[in-house]
Amino acid sequence: MRGAHLSLAAADPATPKRAGQVASKADSSAIALYTVPAPEPRGCLLASASLADASLSVVNREAVAGALGAVERVLLDFFVHADLPRERAAAHARLCATVLYGLSARARLGVEASILNEDAGRFVAFLLQGEGGV
């Protein structure tokens, strides 16, 4: 994912963070990366592959699933360290990863960073509704 979202990974997952901070950081880091002006296509190559080439063969599908699973595991670690119960942290990680893939697809289509950030903010607000502002 071009080094992606997981500038989160550069941070120490043992540092307690609120769940909203984790989701917000993942979204903003990914959007910044997805929308960098560059000659290569915008968005996340893995997320794009999951929509195209991954379905062509079992080997491709397994490779993409493994890489996308790694993203979810990093997010899971951060949500667990945000003091969420593991089951809820896992659900948050899956949901956050799914939103990241959607943001990537929209960035690839040329949606501006300001719009992606606005939508990501709405996602974080939605995520936190059930967490009492965690």
Foldseek 3Di string as FASTA:
>chain_A
DVCFLVVVVVDDLLPADALLVLLLSSQLRRLVQQQDDDPDFGFDPLLVCCVPVLVVDVVSVVVSVVVLVVQLVSQLSNLVSNVDPSVLSSVSSVVSSVLSSVLRVVSSVPDDSVVSSVVSVVVSVVSCVVVVND
